[in-house]
Every structure is written in structure tokens, then in C-alpha cells.
Protein backbone atom coordinates (compact mmCIF):
# COMPACT_ATOMS: atom_id res chain seq x y z
CA MET A 1 0.48 0.02 0.01
CA HIS A 2 1.09 3.42 -1.23
CA LEU A 3 0.58 6.91 0.20
CA GLN A 4 0.49 8.35 -3.89
CA THR A 5 -2.55 7.44 -6.42
CA ILE A 6 -2.23 4.59 -8.51
CA CYS A 7 -4.34 4.16 -11.56
CA PHE A 8 -5.11 0.58 -12.63
CA ARG A 9 -6.35 1.30 -16.44
CA THR A 10 -6.93 3.54 -18.82
CA SER A 11 -10.32 4.27 -20.55
CA THR A 12 -12.68 6.51 -21.51
CA VAL A 13 -15.33 4.88 -19.07
CA ALA A 14 -16.45 7.00 -16.27
CA ILE A 15 -19.72 6.01 -14.62
CA LYS A 16 -20.71 7.71 -11.53
CA ARG A 17 -22.48 5.55 -9.17
CA ARG A 18 -23.51 5.96 -5.47
CA SER A 19 -23.05 4.37 -2.37
CA ARG A 20 -24.76 3.10 0.58
CA VAL A 21 -22.30 4.83 2.50
CA PRO A 22 -23.05 9.06 2.40
CA GLY A 23 -19.57 10.69 1.54
CA VAL A 24 -18.19 8.36 -0.91
CA MET A 25 -18.20 8.51 -4.27
CA ILE A 26 -17.61 5.51 -6.85
CA THR A 27 -16.42 5.71 -10.69
CA GLN A 28 -17.19 2.75 -12.74
CA PHE A 29 -14.30 2.25 -15.08
CA VAL A 30 -16.49 -0.33 -17.46
CA GLU A 31 -19.64 -0.32 -18.86
CA GLU A 32 -20.46 -3.99 -17.51
CA VAL A 33 -18.58 -5.36 -14.56
CA PRO A 34 -18.23 -9.42 -14.66
CA GLU A 35 -20.25 -11.74 -12.76
CA GLY A 36 -18.15 -12.16 -8.78
CA MET A 37 -16.51 -9.23 -9.70
CA SER A 38 -17.28 -5.50 -7.83
CA THR A 39 -16.20 -1.86 -7.77
CA PRO A 40 -14.42 -0.58 -4.48
CA ASP A 41 -16.57 0.95 -1.84
CA PHE A 42 -16.12 1.89 1.88
CA THR A 43 -17.60 0.03 4.22
CA ARG A 44 -16.31 2.39 6.75
CA LYS A 45 -14.92 5.65 5.38
CA PRO A 46 -12.67 7.73 7.92
CA ILE A 47 -14.20 10.68 10.38
CA ALA A 48 -13.23 14.13 10.84
CA LEU A 49 -10.64 14.99 13.84
CA THR A 50 -9.91 17.54 15.73
CA ILE A 51 -6.62 17.17 17.96
CA GLN A 52 -4.28 18.84 19.85
CA GLU A 53 -1.04 19.66 18.00
CA GLY A 54 2.23 17.08 19.43
CA LYS A 55 -0.66 14.29 19.97
CA LEU A 56 -1.05 10.96 17.18
CA ALA A 57 -3.52 11.69 14.37
CA PHE A 58 -4.67 8.51 12.43
CA PHE A 59 -7.61 8.01 10.14
CA LYS A 60 -9.04 4.57 9.66
CA SER A 61 -11.18 2.82 6.46
CA MET A 62 -12.29 -0.34 5.30
CA VAL A 63 -13.47 -1.54 2.45
CA SER A 64 -15.22 -3.97 -0.20
CA GLY A 65 -14.40 -4.70 -3.62
CA VAL A 66 -13.62 -7.95 -5.97
CA PRO A 67 -10.38 -8.21 -6.66
CA LYS A 68 -9.59 -6.92 -3.43
CA PRO A 69 -8.74 -2.54 -4.18
CA ASN A 70 -5.62 -0.91 -3.70
CA ILE A 71 -6.01 1.98 -0.76
CA THR A 72 -4.09 5.08 -1.63
CA TRP A 73 -4.16 8.55 0.40
CA ALA A 74 -3.49 12.16 0.24
CA ARG A 75 -4.03 15.44 1.17
CA ASN A 76 -5.51 19.00 -0.61
CA LYS A 77 -2.62 21.38 0.11
CA GLY A 78 0.69 18.87 -0.37
CA PRO A 79 1.94 15.40 -0.65
CA LEU A 80 2.55 12.78 1.88
CA GLU A 81 5.49 11.52 0.80
CA ASP A 82 7.95 11.92 3.88
CA PRO A 83 7.46 8.29 6.12
CA VAL A 84 8.43 9.90 9.55
CA LYS A 85 5.29 12.12 9.26
CA TYR A 86 2.88 9.87 7.76
CA ILE A 87 2.65 6.42 8.13
CA SER A 88 0.09 3.82 6.21
CA ARG A 89 -0.36 0.51 7.35
CA TYR A 90 -3.15 -2.34 7.13
CA ASP A 91 -4.52 -4.48 9.82
CA GLU A 92 -4.95 -7.68 8.23
CA THR A 93 -7.20 -9.45 11.09
CA MET A 94 -9.26 -6.87 11.32
CA GLU A 95 -9.48 -5.71 7.51
CA GLU A 96 -8.84 -2.07 8.72
CA TYR A 97 -6.61 0.49 6.88
CA PHE A 98 -4.99 3.51 8.89
CA LEU A 99 -3.30 6.90 8.02
CA GLU A 100 -1.09 7.92 11.06
CA ILE A 101 0.40 10.93 11.61
CA PRO A 102 2.75 11.14 14.98
CA ASN A 103 3.25 14.33 16.54
CA VAL A 104 0.34 16.01 14.54
CA ARG A 105 1.35 19.70 13.75
CA ALA A 106 -0.73 22.70 12.89
CA GLU A 107 0.52 22.86 8.81
CA GLN A 108 -0.90 19.37 8.77
CA ALA A 109 -4.29 20.38 9.22
CA ASP A 110 -5.93 20.05 6.21
CA THR A 111 -8.77 17.50 3.89
CA TYR A 112 -7.38 14.29 3.61
CA LYS A 113 -8.62 11.97 0.70
CA CYS A 114 -8.96 8.27 0.54
CA PHE A 115 -8.68 6.29 -2.15
CA ALA A 116 -9.63 2.35 -2.73
CA ALA A 117 -9.57 1.44 -6.89
CA ASN A 118 -9.09 -2.31 -8.64
CA GLU A 119 -9.25 -2.79 -12.62
CA TYR A 120 -13.28 -2.02 -11.93
CA GLY A 121 -13.24 1.29 -10.45
CA ARG A 122 -12.28 3.76 -7.69
CA ALA A 123 -13.95 5.20 -4.62
CA VAL A 124 -13.22 8.29 -2.54
CA CYS A 125 -14.17 9.98 0.54
CA THR A 126 -12.88 12.69 2.91
CA ALA A 127 -11.89 13.48 6.19
CA THR A 128 -11.29 16.84 7.88
CA LEU A 129 -8.10 17.27 10.26
CA ASN A 130 -8.70 20.37 12.62
CA VAL A 131 -5.50 20.81 14.48
CA ILE A 132 -5.87 22.69 18.22
CA GLU A 133 -3.19 24.48 18.92
CA GLY A 134 -3.37 24.86 22.88
CA PRO A 135 -4.99 23.54 25.57
CA LYS A 136 -7.82 27.09 25.53
CA ARG A 137 -7.92 26.74 21.98
CA ALA A 138 -10.17 24.75 19.72
CA ALA A 139 -10.98 24.66 15.43
CA PRO A 140 -14.90 24.32 14.82
CA GLU A 141 -16.28 22.08 12.20
CA ASP A 142 -18.96 24.48 11.16
CA PHE A 143 -20.33 27.65 11.02
CA ARG A 144 -22.37 27.15 14.40
CA LYS A 145 -19.22 26.76 16.49
CA MET A 146 -16.80 29.81 14.93
CA VAL A 147 -16.53 31.28 18.74
CA VAL A 148 -14.45 29.46 20.70
CA ARG A 149 -15.37 29.06 24.09
CA THR A 150 -13.34 28.00 26.89
CA LYS A 151 -14.93 27.33 30.74
CA PRO A 152 -12.70 28.25 34.19
CA GLN A 153 -10.19 25.09 34.89
CA LEU A 154 -10.96 23.27 37.51
CA LYS A 155 -8.26 22.45 38.92
CA LYS A 156 -7.45 21.21 42.65
CA LYS A 157 -5.43 22.78 45.59
CA GLU A 158 -3.51 20.73 47.74
CA GLY A 159 -6.12 19.89 50.48
CA GLU A 160 -9.21 20.68 48.83
CA ILE A 161 -11.51 18.28 47.01
CA ASP A 162 -11.47 17.93 43.27
CA PRO A 163 -13.80 20.77 41.41
CA LYS A 164 -14.94 17.70 39.23
CA PHE A 165 -16.97 16.36 41.84
CA TRP A 166 -19.10 18.67 42.46
CA GLU A 167 -19.52 19.06 38.61
CA VAL A 168 -20.39 15.08 38.30
CA LEU A 169 -22.63 15.06 41.62
CA LEU A 170 -24.53 18.01 40.45
CA SER A 171 -25.64 15.36 37.51
CA SER A 172 -26.09 12.51 39.26
CA PRO A 173 -29.50 10.07 41.02
CA LYS A 174 -29.56 10.08 44.67
CA LYS A 175 -28.48 6.02 44.50
CA ASP A 176 -24.63 7.04 42.95
CA TYR A 177 -23.82 9.37 45.86
CA GLU A 178 -21.87 7.01 47.55
CA LYS A 179 -20.26 5.65 44.60
CA VAL A 180 -19.19 9.69 43.51
CA CYS A 181 -18.10 10.15 47.09
CA MET A 182 -16.09 7.14 47.60
CA GLU A 183 -14.60 7.82 44.00
CA TYR A 184 -13.42 11.48 44.89
CA GLY A 185 -12.69 10.47 48.57
CA VAL A 186 -15.26 12.45 50.17
CA SER A 187 -16.18 11.04 53.81
CA ASP A 188 -18.06 13.60 55.47
CA PHE A 189 -21.46 12.96 53.96
CA ARG A 190 -23.53 15.51 56.34
CA TRP A 191 -21.33 18.68 55.05
CA MET A 192 -21.72 16.95 51.12
CA LEU A 193 -25.12 17.42 51.49
CA LYS A 194 -25.44 20.53 53.10
CA GLN A 195 -22.95 21.78 50.20
CA LEU A 196 -25.18 20.28 47.74
CA ASN A 197 -28.47 21.94 48.48
CA LEU A 198 -26.88 25.28 47.85
CA LYS A 199 -25.13 24.11 44.39
CA LYS A 200 -28.17 22.36 43.23
CA LYS A 201 -30.07 25.50 43.65
CA GLU A 202 -27.62 28.02 42.34
CA ARG A 203 -27.47 25.77 39.06
CA GLU A 204 -30.94 25.04 38.85
CA GLU A 205 -31.73 28.75 38.75
CA GLU A 206 -29.33 29.21 36.06
CA GLN A 207 -31.04 25.88 33.88
CA ALA A 208 -34.09 27.57 34.85
CA LYS A 209 -34.05 30.34 32.18
CA VAL A 210 -32.70 28.46 28.91
CA VAL A 211 -34.34 25.09 29.79
CA GLU A 212 -37.90 24.02 30.34
CA LYS A 213 -37.41 20.37 31.36
CA LEU A 214 -34.09 18.02 32.10
CA GLU A 215 -34.30 14.57 32.72
CA ASN A 216 -32.73 10.98 32.68
CA LEU A 217 -29.27 11.87 32.96
CA LYS A 218 -27.32 8.87 31.62
CA HIS A 219 -23.38 9.40 32.38
CA ILE A 220 -20.44 8.25 30.07
CA GLU A 221 -20.05 4.50 29.24
CA VAL A 222 -18.49 3.02 26.49
CA LYS A 223 -20.48 1.05 24.20
CA ARG A 224 -20.19 -2.67 22.21
CA ASP A 225 -18.87 -0.99 19.13
CA GLY A 226 -16.14 0.84 20.85
CA SER A 227 -17.40 4.41 21.25
CA ALA A 228 -18.69 5.98 24.20
CA GLU A 229 -22.21 7.95 24.81
CA PHE A 230 -23.42 10.01 27.50
CA GLU A 231 -27.19 11.51 26.75
CA LEU A 232 -29.89 13.31 28.69
CA ASP A 233 -33.58 14.47 27.97
CA MET A 234 -33.83 18.16 27.57
CA GLU A 235 -36.92 20.53 26.41
CA LEU A 236 -35.33 23.79 25.61
CA LYS A 237 -36.99 27.12 25.90
CA ASN A 238 -35.87 28.26 22.79
CA PRO A 239 -35.40 25.83 20.26
CA ASN A 240 -32.63 28.28 18.17
CA SER A 241 -30.63 28.08 21.89
CA GLN A 242 -26.92 27.03 20.84
CA VAL A 243 -26.16 23.80 22.60
CA PHE A 244 -22.28 23.55 23.21
CA LEU A 245 -20.08 20.61 24.46
CA PHE A 246 -17.06 21.08 26.23
CA LYS A 247 -13.87 18.87 27.74
CA ASP A 248 -12.12 19.91 30.07
CA GLY A 249 -13.50 23.20 30.32
CA VAL A 250 -12.32 23.32 26.64
CA MET A 251 -15.10 23.97 23.64
CA VAL A 252 -15.07 20.63 21.35
CA PRO A 253 -16.99 21.02 18.19
CA TYR A 254 -19.06 17.94 16.91
CA SER A 255 -20.93 16.65 14.14
CA ASP A 256 -24.50 15.58 13.79
CA ASP A 257 -24.37 12.87 11.11
CA GLY A 258 -22.10 10.93 13.26
CA SER A 259 -18.86 11.43 10.81
CA GLY A 260 -16.48 13.30 13.59
CA LYS A 261 -14.77 12.51 16.32
CA HIS A 262 -17.18 13.75 18.85
CA ASN A 263 -21.24 13.62 17.74
CA LEU A 264 -24.69 14.41 18.39
CA ASN A 265 -27.37 12.06 18.00
CA LYS A 266 -30.78 14.20 19.36
CA ILE A 267 -33.90 12.29 18.58
CA GLY A 268 -36.89 14.24 19.59
CA LYS A 269 -35.99 15.77 22.84
CA LYS A 270 -33.14 13.20 24.04
CA TYR A 271 -29.47 14.32 23.06
CA ILE A 272 -27.23 11.47 22.77
CA PHE A 273 -23.75 12.23 22.56
CA SER A 274 -20.89 10.09 21.43
CA ILE A 275 -17.22 10.06 21.00
CA ASN A 276 -15.60 7.46 18.38
CA ASP A 277 -12.12 5.89 18.10
CA LEU A 278 -11.37 6.41 21.84
CA MET A 279 -8.27 6.88 22.89
CA PRO A 280 -6.45 7.38 26.03
CA ASP A 281 -6.85 10.96 25.44
CA ASP A 282 -10.45 11.08 25.39
CA ALA A 283 -10.72 10.52 29.27
CA GLY A 284 -11.70 14.25 31.14
CA LEU A 285 -14.83 15.52 32.31
CA TYR A 286 -17.57 16.17 29.89
CA GLN A 287 -19.92 19.12 30.17
CA VAL A 288 -23.23 20.16 27.63
CA ASP A 289 -24.07 24.33 28.23
CA VAL A 290 -27.18 25.82 26.63
CA GLU A 291 -25.98 29.23 26.16
CA ASP A 292 -24.38 30.14 29.45
CA ALA A 293 -26.17 27.45 31.54
CA ASN A 294 -24.32 23.92 32.41
CA CYS A 295 -26.79 21.40 32.26
CA PHE A 296 -24.56 17.83 32.60
CA SER A 297 -21.41 16.96 33.56
CA THR A 298 -19.80 13.43 33.43
CA ASP A 299 -16.37 12.04 33.87
CA PHE A 300 -15.16 10.20 31.55
CA LYS A 301 -12.49 7.79 33.22
CA ILE A 302 -10.50 5.35 31.69
CA ILE A 303 -9.45 2.19 33.34
CA PRO A 304 -5.75 1.22 32.67
CA VAL A 305 -6.36 -2.16 32.05
CA GLU A 306 -3.85 -4.46 29.97
CA PHE A 307 -4.59 -8.17 28.48
CA VAL A 308 -1.85 -10.04 30.32
CA VAL A 309 -3.39 -12.82 28.09
CA LYS A 310 -4.54 -12.47 24.70
CA ILE A 311 -7.07 -14.42 23.48
CA GLN A 312 -5.46 -17.20 20.58
CA GLU A 313 -6.17 -18.96 17.59
CA VAL A 314 -8.65 -21.37 17.85
CA LYS A 315 -8.76 -24.55 15.70
CA ALA A 316 -12.27 -26.80 16.44
CA LYS A 317 -13.82 -28.83 13.84
CA GLU A 318 -17.66 -28.71 12.93
CA ARG A 319 -20.08 -29.75 16.19
CA GLU A 320 -17.32 -28.98 18.35
CA ASP A 321 -16.84 -26.15 20.82
CA ALA A 322 -14.45 -23.83 21.18
CA MET A 323 -13.50 -21.80 23.88
CA PHE A 324 -11.59 -18.59 23.91
CA GLU A 325 -9.90 -17.40 27.53
CA CYS A 326 -7.96 -13.97 28.30
CA VAL A 327 -6.22 -12.63 31.40
CA LEU A 328 -6.48 -9.14 32.24
CA SER A 329 -3.78 -6.77 34.41
CA HIS A 330 -7.40 -5.07 36.42
CA PRO A 331 -10.52 -6.58 37.55
CA PHE A 332 -12.97 -6.15 35.28
CA GLN A 333 -16.74 -7.46 35.84
CA LYS A 334 -17.47 -7.36 32.43
CA ILE A 335 -16.00 -7.00 28.94
CA VAL A 336 -17.30 -6.41 25.48
CA TRP A 337 -17.11 -9.85 22.90
CA THR A 338 -18.04 -9.32 19.47
CA GLY A 339 -17.64 -11.87 16.50
CA LYS A 340 -17.04 -10.86 13.09
CA LYS A 341 -17.69 -7.23 14.59
CA ILE A 342 -21.44 -8.56 15.93
CA PRO A 343 -21.62 -8.23 19.91
CA LEU A 344 -22.23 -11.00 20.99
CA GLU A 345 -24.39 -11.91 24.11
CA GLN A 346 -25.12 -15.35 26.83
CA GLY A 347 -27.10 -17.69 24.93
CA ASP A 348 -27.92 -21.08 22.99
CA LYS A 349 -24.76 -20.31 20.92
CA PHE A 350 -22.28 -18.48 23.20
CA ASP A 351 -21.70 -19.11 26.72
CA ILE A 352 -20.08 -15.61 28.45
CA THR A 353 -18.00 -16.64 31.80
CA VAL A 354 -15.96 -14.74 34.11
CA SER A 355 -13.61 -15.90 37.33
CA GLU A 356 -14.62 -14.87 40.60
CA ASP A 357 -11.24 -12.11 40.62
CA HIS A 358 -12.63 -10.43 37.34
CA LEU A 359 -9.55 -11.23 35.59
CA ILE A 360 -10.31 -14.36 33.50
CA HIS A 361 -12.47 -14.24 30.61
CA SER A 362 -13.68 -17.10 28.88
CA LEU A 363 -16.24 -17.19 25.52
CA LYS A 364 -17.34 -20.53 24.29
CA VAL A 365 -18.67 -20.61 20.66
CA LYS A 366 -21.03 -23.75 20.85
CA ASP A 367 -21.74 -26.76 18.29
CA CYS A 368 -19.15 -25.05 15.15
CA ALA A 369 -20.28 -24.67 12.05
CA GLN A 370 -18.57 -23.03 8.85
CA LEU A 371 -20.81 -19.90 9.50
CA ASP A 372 -18.99 -19.01 12.89
CA LYS A 373 -15.51 -18.91 11.25
CA GLY A 374 -13.79 -15.23 11.50
CA VAL A 375 -12.41 -12.95 13.89
CA TYR A 376 -13.64 -12.59 16.95
CA THR A 377 -12.53 -9.50 19.82
CA ALA A 378 -12.27 -9.50 23.60
CA MET A 379 -12.81 -5.25 24.77
CA ALA A 380 -11.82 -4.18 28.19
CA GLY A 381 -12.78 -0.49 28.48
CA ILE A 382 -10.49 0.70 25.25
CA THR A 383 -8.20 -1.75 24.94
CA SER A 384 -8.97 -5.24 22.79
CA CYS A 385 -7.23 -7.62 20.97
CA ASN A 386 -8.07 -10.52 18.58
CA ALA A 387 -8.09 -14.37 17.08
CA TRP A 388 -9.36 -16.25 14.62
CA LEU A 389 -11.83 -19.09 15.01
CA ILE A 390 -10.73 -21.73 12.14
CA VAL A 391 -13.99 -24.29 11.69
CA GLU A 392 -12.86 -27.40 9.44
CA ALA A 393 -14.84 -29.39 8.37
CA ASP A 394 -15.65 -33.03 10.05
CA ASN A 395 -15.37 -35.91 7.50
CA ASP A 396 -15.23 -38.57 10.12
CA PRO A 397 -18.75 -40.42 9.56
CA ASN A 398 -18.00 -42.18 12.81
CA MET A 399 -18.59 -38.47 14.59
CA ARG A 400 -21.78 -37.30 13.20
CA GLY A 401 -23.53 -36.47 15.45
CA GLY A 402 -21.14 -36.52 17.96
CA LYS A 403 -19.63 -33.34 20.05
CA ALA A 404 -16.03 -32.43 21.46
CA SER A 405 -14.62 -29.32 22.78
CA HIS A 406 -11.57 -27.67 21.77
CA LYS A 407 -10.25 -24.83 24.25
CA PHE A 408 -6.78 -22.22 24.14
CA ILE A 409 -4.66 -22.93 27.22
CA LEU A 410 -3.80 -20.09 28.84
CA ASP A 411 -0.46 -19.36 29.38
CA MET A 412 2.03 -16.63 29.80
CA PRO A 413 3.12 -14.54 26.88
CA ASP A 414 6.52 -15.16 25.70
CA VAL A 415 6.94 -18.20 27.60
CA LYS A 416 3.95 -20.45 26.15
CA GLY A 417 4.99 -23.47 23.84
CA LEU A 418 8.97 -22.64 25.04
CA ASP A 419 11.76 -24.67 26.64
CA LEU A 420 13.98 -22.11 27.38
CA GLN A 421 14.33 -21.28 31.45
CA CYS A 422 14.18 -17.57 31.96
CA PRO A 423 14.62 -15.75 35.20
CA PRO A 424 11.17 -14.21 37.02
CA SER A 425 10.34 -10.88 35.60
CA PHE A 426 7.63 -8.32 35.68
CA LEU A 427 4.82 -7.61 32.63
CA LEU A 428 3.48 -5.41 34.63
CA ARG A 429 4.41 -3.25 37.50
CA LEU A 430 2.34 -2.18 40.58
CA LYS A 431 0.94 1.01 40.47
CA ILE A 432 0.34 3.94 42.60
CA CYS A 433 -2.75 4.20 44.52
CA THR A 434 -4.42 6.55 46.56
CA ALA A 435 -8.25 5.70 48.51
CA PRO A 436 -10.55 6.52 51.22
CA PRO A 437 -10.85 4.65 54.39
CA GLY A 438 -13.20 1.90 54.76
CA TYR A 439 -13.51 0.79 51.44
CA GLU A 440 -11.59 -2.09 49.50
CA CYS A 441 -8.48 -1.64 47.81
CA TYR A 442 -6.96 -3.51 44.74
CA MET A 443 -3.47 -4.25 44.02
CA SER A 444 -2.63 -5.80 40.85
CA CYS A 445 0.66 -6.78 38.62
CA ALA A 446 2.31 -9.41 36.32
CA VAL A 447 5.17 -11.27 36.47
CA ARG A 448 6.27 -14.11 34.23
CA GLY A 449 9.17 -16.76 34.65
CA ASP A 450 10.47 -20.50 34.13
CA PRO A 451 10.05 -22.22 36.16
CA LYS A 452 7.58 -20.65 37.98
CA PRO A 453 8.59 -17.86 40.28
CA HIS A 454 7.46 -17.89 44.03
CA VAL A 455 5.90 -14.49 44.72
CA THR A 456 5.71 -12.91 48.38
CA TRP A 457 3.81 -9.57 49.30
CA TYR A 458 5.17 -7.00 51.56
CA HIS A 459 4.13 -3.96 53.57
CA ASN A 460 6.50 -2.06 54.88
CA ASN A 461 9.01 -4.76 54.70
CA VAL A 462 6.68 -7.07 56.49
CA SER A 463 5.38 -10.45 54.79
CA LEU A 464 1.73 -10.43 54.06
CA ASN A 465 1.41 -13.68 52.59
CA THR A 466 -0.13 -15.48 55.80
CA ASN A 467 -2.03 -12.46 56.48
CA THR A 468 -5.95 -13.06 56.79
CA ASN A 469 -6.83 -9.42 56.59
CA TYR A 470 -5.43 -9.61 52.77
CA LEU A 471 -6.70 -11.59 49.84
CA ILE A 472 -3.40 -12.48 48.12
CA THR A 473 -3.88 -14.62 44.52
CA ASN A 474 -1.58 -15.41 41.80
CA VAL A 475 -3.56 -16.85 38.05
CA CYS A 476 -1.43 -17.21 35.74
CA GLY A 477 0.75 -14.79 36.45
CA VAL A 478 -1.48 -12.07 37.50
CA CYS A 479 -0.45 -11.87 41.08
CA THR A 480 -3.36 -9.61 43.01
CA MET A 481 -3.93 -8.52 46.43
CA LEU A 482 -7.12 -7.03 48.00
CA ILE A 483 -7.32 -5.31 51.56
CA LEU A 484 -11.30 -5.46 52.23
CA LYS A 485 -11.68 -2.53 54.50
CA ILE A 486 -8.87 -0.30 54.29
CA GLY A 487 -7.71 2.14 57.36
CA PRO A 488 -4.48 4.59 57.93
CA LYS A 489 -2.67 1.92 59.53
CA ASP A 490 -2.38 0.31 55.55
CA SER A 491 -0.69 3.59 54.27
CA GLY A 492 2.68 2.84 53.60
CA GLU A 493 5.06 0.74 50.66
CA TYR A 494 3.77 -2.27 49.35
CA SER A 495 6.33 -4.43 47.35
CA VAL A 496 6.16 -7.87 45.64
CA ILE A 497 9.28 -9.94 45.34
CA ALA A 498 9.43 -13.13 42.70
CA ASP A 499 11.90 -15.58 43.46
CA SER A 500 13.37 -18.95 41.54
CA PRO A 501 16.42 -20.60 41.25
CA LEU A 502 17.17 -18.21 37.66
CA GLY A 503 17.06 -15.05 39.67
CA ARG A 504 14.46 -12.53 41.85
CA ALA A 505 12.39 -9.24 40.41
CA GLU A 506 11.01 -6.71 42.54
CA CYS A 507 8.51 -3.82 42.29
CA SER A 508 6.94 -1.39 44.56
CA THR A 509 4.33 1.21 45.03
CA LYS A 510 2.45 3.81 47.52
CA LEU A 511 -0.58 3.52 49.43
CA THR A 512 -1.84 6.91 50.46
CA VAL A 513 -5.39 6.84 52.72
CA ARG A 514 -6.87 10.08 51.93
CA GLY A 515 -8.23 11.15 55.56
CA SER A 516 -9.76 9.00 58.22
CA ILE A 517 -13.87 8.53 59.20
CA SER A 518 -14.54 8.23 63.36
CA GLN A 519 -17.44 6.22 64.26
CA SER A 520 -19.95 9.23 65.43
CA GLN A 521 -19.11 10.23 61.63
CA HIS A 522 -20.16 6.99 60.65
CA ASN A 523 -23.26 7.16 62.74
CA LYS A 524 -23.87 11.13 61.26
CA MET A 525 -23.38 9.82 57.69
CA LEU A 526 -26.07 6.65 58.17
CA PHE A 527 -28.54 8.96 59.96
CA PHE A 528 -28.85 11.67 56.87
CA CYS A 529 -28.51 8.80 54.47
CA ASP A 530 -31.97 7.84 55.76
CA ARG A 531 -33.21 10.96 56.34
CA ASN A 532 -32.87 11.80 52.83
CA ASN A 533 -34.04 8.48 51.35
CA LEU A 534 -30.11 7.44 50.43
CA GLN A 535 -28.31 4.23 50.73
CA PHE A 536 -24.77 3.80 52.57
CA LYS A 537 -22.87 0.84 52.71
CA HIS A 538 -19.16 2.50 54.53
CA GLN A 539 -17.57 0.27 56.59
CA VAL A 540 -16.40 1.25 59.85
């Protein structure tokens, strides 16, 4: 695949055809396409991007056509010949084409074109790249957002509560108050409720100027297609009022046709905002304003989870069961499974399970048929891995009607199938932890080695392996420790040492317990929760 346009034939025939995908133009080079052949088309076209200078920008596309089309890229204002500035690649497993622009610069803002061509025709589509020069500037995508807006930056001073806490709490239902307090380390429930009522009154007075009705607020979550969404039902007093979207205080442009990085789908009074092609930089506080009134805030946190053991290719004969398994570096209650890009659910065809510690996730494809072969994907947050299911024909007449099971056996990466011994080493190291008192705290790391190393946990140089106050597990090299009830005494340094005859490896981190809570404070919380019809599960 090259970055320059390639011509496949010289022909006076140029039949313009419509694509099923809006914004794609198809030119047919022959009067009649032979049976079994087809002109190129885009099944997924690149989306418009708005990205900060210095970040990685990338366009992604998927195409169809027989014979397989050749993909080329171009831009309006110059060539794409520099292999350092422009990287073109193809993902064979997902059948996706990429144009990557590392360390993007302002002069690279432009309209980019993607061409898909074979001997029978050519398809072309465009996508715009906008480059933001700084954290307080944004490039608008259309005339409705020509004025760049910013909001005061929510900065936390030492010893103070994160200002995001109030923004998120004001948009949360009562049943989520405890969860939000736990995330931001707030333990004084009485003081919180008093302050919240004052802030709610002020916010509602502002909203009443522009909004008739506001309800059904749903915080942001990652969807099965890899995007993130949040929504609200809102009735405006003036239908012509402008609706703005902010991320961390900076206005971000959005499209209303689903073609951009940020999008708005408005159905009646329901506003559904979405974020496509998620990356770690997409984490942050998202806010929806009508004119100058804030109506909704949601904090998008991306859990730094990784696949310690990825799903692997599985071969199974017809009527056999096939099993995919993976191991995560951090507990995830439920991951997303897709088969051939279609979300999969528990049922007669698929069996989806997860271990008690939420680290090992499994997908069983029951009674395999030829239709089941293809690429299967496991997705945890914005991280994913994929592998093929190959279904082989069963030519053994004695097995007809019979059923067997095939399973990939979990093992640590780079060690599976090798006879070579290696000393202990950490694939994933411990990360710094901060937690409020009275709640659970979880730490994890991943270690490998052959022979299998012996793992010991320490708190301030004291071994924890026999301490019943800590729940310690080691599953496929993923070493975890759960502190059931955090207290001030749990602060300090934690370390993990992996020993084997070939050597030793060590990693460490620090745990900080935010504040403390007394029995009298706990009783006050229970009283106020009861009076305000709230639930409170804090342990003392």
C-alpha cells in the first residue's frame, strides 16, 4: 500500500455511482462489471478529527471490492511522501487501513482523501483534520461553532476536594452519591449534602433561564462498538438556543451526522453525545451547556487495564465447542465480546463467563459451524485483542452427531510453547494507589518466569502472605492483593518479590489513605442517608 494515487487502467468510461455510505463517490471504469467482480466501496469511511498539536492523529477505513482494492491516501495541500510524518499500514486481522500522523502539527491541518481502486473502478471519500494549537483553543467544524469558548479550568489545590466532584455529583441521581463520594475520597456526608443543596439551587436557577425540562441523565459509558456515549432528555425554552460541548473546560466541535470524533444524535427531546475511536486522551470531564448554563457533567475515566494473556487462534471441527480465554491486569466485571464485529450475548450459541476475581474472561462458541469462523474480539474499556476461529470440516463419519470441545490453554506470553528457562521479570508493575478509608483497595501486577517464580507480598518490609486481612491470589502470573477494609494503618510502601532458582525481580508502590472516618461520623452519615432516602454501605 502506497500513499500516492495509483491508476489501474486508462479508459474513456467513467460511470458515476452512488455508495450506500454517505459521502463516498464511486467511479466505474467499465460499462459492465463481470459476474463475481465488483467495484470498490467503503464499508467504513474515515471520520473528521480535531486533535491537539503534538498528539497522534489517525484515520481508519474499511473497504470492499473484488478483486481486493488498493488503498492510497492524499491531502489537498501537499504530498504524503515523508515516511516519518505519514505512516500507512494495514491490519490484516481486522481488515482495517490506517493513515497515522505522529506528533501532528498545525500545518498538517487539511482535508485528507482515501482512495480505493481496482481494475473495475475507484471509490473516494474525504475527512478533515483540525489541529488545536493549545489547551484553550479549538478549531470549529462548522459555522455554528465559529466562536471558540472555554470554561474556567477546574484545578485542585492541595488539601482540597477535586472541583470535578461537584460537577459530577450535580448530574448524578441520589443512588450514586456514595459511589461518587468514594471515587473522590469524600467521607463527610453531612457536609457534602449541605453544600450540594446550595449548589443545586444555584445551578437550577441558571438552567431555568434556558431549559424548560431536564431529566434522564445518563453518564458516559463505553459501548459495544468501541465508542463512548452519554445522554440526557432536554426541552429548551428557545429551540434556537445553542448547545455546546466542553471537555476539561475547552469547547469541542461536534457533528450531527455521526462522521466526526464527537457527535450529537438528537431524537426528539433526547440528546445523545458520542465519542468515536477512543484513545487514552479522551478521558476527562465532559459538560453540556445551553448558552451559558451548564446542564450536564460527566467524568470519563479510562481504567488502565491491559491484556496479560490475549485470546489466541482456536481451531475446531464442525459440531465441536471452541473456547477463547484471556487474562486482564485489573479486575473487570464484564468485558465486551464480538464475533465478526457483531456483539455477542449469553445464550444458546455463546457461553460467556468470568472468574470470581474478574481477571479471567471466557467465551465458548457452542456447536461450531462454518458460519462461525472469523475474527473474534475481546474488549475491556478501550483496550482490545482479537484472534481467529478456524472451523474445519468434519469428514469422520463415526463422529457425525457427536460433540467434542476445543480450548486454548492459558499461558504467559513469550513463554508458551518454549523450553527455554528464564529468570523472573514483571510484565506489569504495581501502580501508585490512593483510596478513602473504609473501602476496598485492589493492587495487581503480572510476573513471568520459568520455572514458575514464588511470589511474596510485603507491606513496609513485613510479609503479608500469611496475613488473613489480605486476600492474595496468583492466576496465570497475574498477582493480586485485595485489602477488604482500608484504614490509616494500611498506608505505606507495598512491594512484590518474585523468586526462582534463576534470579529475583521486585516492584513496589505506595498506598495513600485519604483522611479518616470515626464511628460518630459514620453514625451521622447513616442518619443523613436515612433522612434523605439514600443508601450508604461504608464499612467501619
